């Protein structure tokens, strides 16, 4: 794995962690990264679960690419 690929993988893991944090924490910084506010017309507290699922998928994919 090259240094650029490693940097992208680490960045993906960090973004996944930010999405997971945005699920549970109400913060102006984290609100900018929420996926449900980008793709859903009227995001509410009940749509925050999308961020948790997306964050876990992103982290899982990045860990899978580092292992294989």
N, C-alpha and C. Protein backbone atom coordinates (compact mmCIF):
# COMPACT_ATOMS: atom_id res chain seq x y z
N UNK A 1 0.86 -1.17 0.00
CA UNK A 1 0.00 0.00 0.00
C UNK A 1 0.90 1.23 0.00
N UNK A 2 0.66 2.12 -0.95
CA UNK A 2 1.44 3.34 -1.07
C UNK A 2 1.04 4.37 -0.03
N UNK A 3 1.83 5.41 0.06
CA UNK A 3 1.56 6.43 1.07
C UNK A 3 0.27 7.20 0.77
N UNK A 4 -0.04 7.40 -0.52
CA UNK A 4 -1.28 8.10 -0.86
C UNK A 4 -2.50 7.25 -0.52
N UNK A 5 -2.42 5.96 -0.80
CA UNK A 5 -3.52 5.06 -0.46
C UNK A 5 -3.71 4.97 1.05
N UNK A 6 -2.61 4.96 1.78
CA UNK A 6 -2.71 4.91 3.24
C UNK A 6 -3.34 6.19 3.79
N UNK A 7 -2.99 7.34 3.21
CA UNK A 7 -3.58 8.60 3.65
C UNK A 7 -5.08 8.63 3.37
N UNK A 8 -5.49 8.13 2.21
CA UNK A 8 -6.93 8.09 1.90
C UNK A 8 -7.67 7.13 2.82
N UNK A 9 -7.04 6.01 3.15
CA UNK A 9 -7.67 5.04 4.04
C UNK A 9 -7.83 5.63 5.44
N UNK A 10 -6.80 6.28 5.94
CA UNK A 10 -6.89 6.91 7.25
C UNK A 10 -7.93 8.03 7.24
N UNK A 11 -7.97 8.81 6.16
CA UNK A 11 -8.99 9.85 6.03
C UNK A 11 -10.39 9.28 6.02
N UNK A 12 -10.58 8.14 5.36
CA UNK A 12 -11.88 7.49 5.34
C UNK A 12 -12.30 7.00 6.71
N UNK A 13 -11.36 6.46 7.45
CA UNK A 13 -11.66 5.99 8.81
C UNK A 13 -12.02 7.18 9.70
N UNK A 14 -11.30 8.28 9.56
CA UNK A 14 -11.61 9.47 10.36
C UNK A 14 -12.98 10.02 10.00
N UNK A 15 -13.32 10.04 8.70
CA UNK A 15 -14.65 10.52 8.30
C UNK A 15 -15.74 9.59 8.83
N UNK A 16 -15.50 8.30 8.84
CA UNK A 16 -16.46 7.37 9.42
C UNK A 16 -16.68 7.64 10.90
N UNK A 17 -15.60 7.95 11.61
CA UNK A 17 -15.72 8.28 13.03
C UNK A 17 -16.48 9.59 13.24
N UNK A 18 -16.27 10.55 12.34
CA UNK A 18 -17.01 11.82 12.43
C UNK A 18 -18.50 11.58 12.19
N UNK A 19 -18.83 10.71 11.24
CA UNK A 19 -20.25 10.40 11.00
C UNK A 19 -20.88 9.72 12.20
N UNK A 20 -20.15 8.81 12.82
CA UNK A 20 -20.69 8.14 14.01
C UNK A 20 -20.88 9.14 15.13
N UNK A 21 -19.91 10.04 15.29
CA UNK A 21 -20.05 11.07 16.34
C UNK A 21 -21.22 12.01 16.04
N UNK A 22 -21.46 12.31 14.77
CA UNK A 22 -22.57 13.18 14.39
C UNK A 22 -23.92 12.55 14.69
N UNK A 23 -23.95 11.23 14.82
CA UNK A 23 -25.19 10.55 15.17
C UNK A 23 -25.59 10.86 16.60
N UNK A 24 -24.63 10.99 17.49
CA UNK A 24 -24.93 11.10 18.92
C UNK A 24 -24.71 12.50 19.50
N UNK A 25 -23.92 13.33 18.83
CA UNK A 25 -23.55 14.63 19.39
C UNK A 25 -24.11 15.75 18.52
N UNK A 26 -24.79 16.70 19.13
CA UNK A 26 -25.27 17.89 18.43
C UNK A 26 -24.21 18.97 18.53
N UNK A 27 -23.53 19.21 17.42
CA UNK A 27 -22.45 20.18 17.39
C UNK A 27 -22.47 20.85 16.02
N UNK A 28 -22.18 22.12 15.96
CA UNK A 28 -22.23 22.83 14.68
C UNK A 28 -21.18 22.28 13.70
N UNK A 29 -20.01 21.90 14.19
CA UNK A 29 -18.98 21.32 13.34
C UNK A 29 -19.43 19.98 12.76
N UNK A 30 -19.99 19.14 13.59
CA UNK A 30 -20.42 17.81 13.14
C UNK A 30 -21.65 17.87 12.25
N UNK A 31 -22.48 18.88 12.43
CA UNK A 31 -23.68 19.02 11.60
C UNK A 31 -23.32 19.21 10.13
N UNK A 32 -22.18 19.81 9.86
CA UNK A 32 -21.76 20.04 8.47
C UNK A 32 -21.42 18.76 7.75
N UNK A 33 -21.10 17.69 8.48
CA UNK A 33 -20.69 16.44 7.87
C UNK A 33 -21.80 15.40 7.81
N UNK A 34 -22.96 15.70 8.36
CA UNK A 34 -24.05 14.73 8.38
C UNK A 34 -24.54 14.42 6.97
N UNK A 35 -24.66 13.14 6.66
CA UNK A 35 -25.15 12.73 5.35
C UNK A 35 -26.66 12.90 5.23
N UNK A 36 -27.38 12.69 6.32
CA UNK A 36 -28.84 12.82 6.23
C UNK A 36 -29.25 14.26 5.94
N UNK A 37 -28.48 15.24 6.40
CA UNK A 37 -28.83 16.62 6.09
C UNK A 37 -28.48 17.00 4.66
N UNK A 38 -27.60 16.23 4.04
CA UNK A 38 -27.24 16.50 2.65
C UNK A 38 -28.23 15.88 1.66
N UNK A 39 -28.76 14.71 1.99
CA UNK A 39 -29.57 13.97 1.02
C UNK A 39 -31.06 13.91 1.33
N UNK A 40 -31.45 14.21 2.55
CA UNK A 40 -32.86 14.16 2.93
C UNK A 40 -33.38 15.59 3.04
N UNK A 41 -34.54 15.82 2.49
CA UNK A 41 -35.07 17.19 2.40
C UNK A 41 -35.29 17.82 3.78
N UNK A 42 -35.93 17.13 4.69
CA UNK A 42 -36.19 17.66 6.03
C UNK A 42 -35.58 16.72 7.07
N UNK A 43 -34.29 16.86 7.36
CA UNK A 43 -33.68 15.94 8.33
C UNK A 43 -34.17 16.22 9.75
N UNK A 44 -34.41 15.16 10.49
CA UNK A 44 -34.85 15.27 11.87
C UNK A 44 -33.94 14.41 12.74
N UNK A 45 -34.26 14.35 14.01
CA UNK A 45 -33.48 13.51 14.92
C UNK A 45 -33.64 12.03 14.58
N UNK A 46 -34.75 11.66 13.99
CA UNK A 46 -34.95 10.25 13.64
C UNK A 46 -34.17 9.81 12.42
N UNK A 47 -33.71 10.76 11.61
CA UNK A 47 -32.91 10.39 10.42
C UNK A 47 -31.41 10.36 10.72
N UNK A 48 -31.02 10.64 11.95
CA UNK A 48 -29.60 10.60 12.30
C UNK A 48 -29.01 9.20 12.21
N UNK A 49 -29.82 8.17 12.25
CA UNK A 49 -29.34 6.80 12.16
C UNK A 49 -28.65 6.50 10.84
N UNK A 50 -28.97 7.26 9.82
CA UNK A 50 -28.32 7.10 8.52
C UNK A 50 -26.81 7.33 8.67
N UNK A 51 -26.43 8.28 9.50
CA UNK A 51 -25.02 8.59 9.70
C UNK A 51 -24.29 7.44 10.39
N UNK A 52 -24.95 6.80 11.33
CA UNK A 52 -24.35 5.67 12.03
C UNK A 52 -24.07 4.53 11.06
N UNK A 53 -25.06 4.19 10.26
CA UNK A 53 -24.90 3.10 9.30
C UNK A 53 -23.81 3.44 8.27
N UNK A 54 -23.84 4.65 7.75
CA UNK A 54 -22.85 5.07 6.76
C UNK A 54 -21.45 5.09 7.35
N UNK A 55 -21.32 5.56 8.58
CA UNK A 55 -20.02 5.59 9.24
C UNK A 55 -19.46 4.20 9.44
N UNK A 56 -20.30 3.27 9.86
CA UNK A 56 -19.84 1.89 10.05
C UNK A 56 -19.45 1.24 8.72
N UNK A 57 -20.21 1.54 7.67
CA UNK A 57 -19.89 0.99 6.35
C UNK A 57 -18.56 1.56 5.84
N UNK A 58 -18.35 2.84 6.01
CA UNK A 58 -17.11 3.47 5.54
C UNK A 58 -15.91 2.93 6.31
N UNK A 59 -16.03 2.81 7.62
CA UNK A 59 -14.93 2.26 8.41
C UNK A 59 -14.68 0.81 8.04
N UNK A 60 -15.74 0.04 7.89
CA UNK A 60 -15.58 -1.37 7.52
C UNK A 60 -14.91 -1.53 6.17
N UNK A 61 -15.28 -0.73 5.21
CA UNK A 61 -14.68 -0.82 3.89
C UNK A 61 -13.19 -0.45 3.94
N UNK A 62 -12.85 0.59 4.68
CA UNK A 62 -11.45 1.00 4.78
C UNK A 62 -10.61 -0.03 5.53
N UNK A 63 -11.17 -0.64 6.56
CA UNK A 63 -10.42 -1.69 7.25
C UNK A 63 -10.27 -2.92 6.36
N UNK A 64 -11.28 -3.22 5.57
CA UNK A 64 -11.19 -4.34 4.64
C UNK A 64 -10.10 -4.11 3.60
N UNK A 65 -9.99 -2.89 3.09
CA UNK A 65 -8.96 -2.62 2.09
C UNK A 65 -7.56 -2.64 2.67
N UNK A 66 -7.41 -2.35 3.96
CA UNK A 66 -6.08 -2.42 4.56
C UNK A 66 -5.67 -3.86 4.81
N UNK A 67 -6.64 -4.73 5.08
CA UNK A 67 -6.31 -6.13 5.35
C UNK A 67 -6.00 -6.88 4.05
N UNK A 68 -6.75 -6.63 3.00
CA UNK A 68 -6.54 -7.36 1.75
C UNK A 68 -5.73 -6.50 0.86
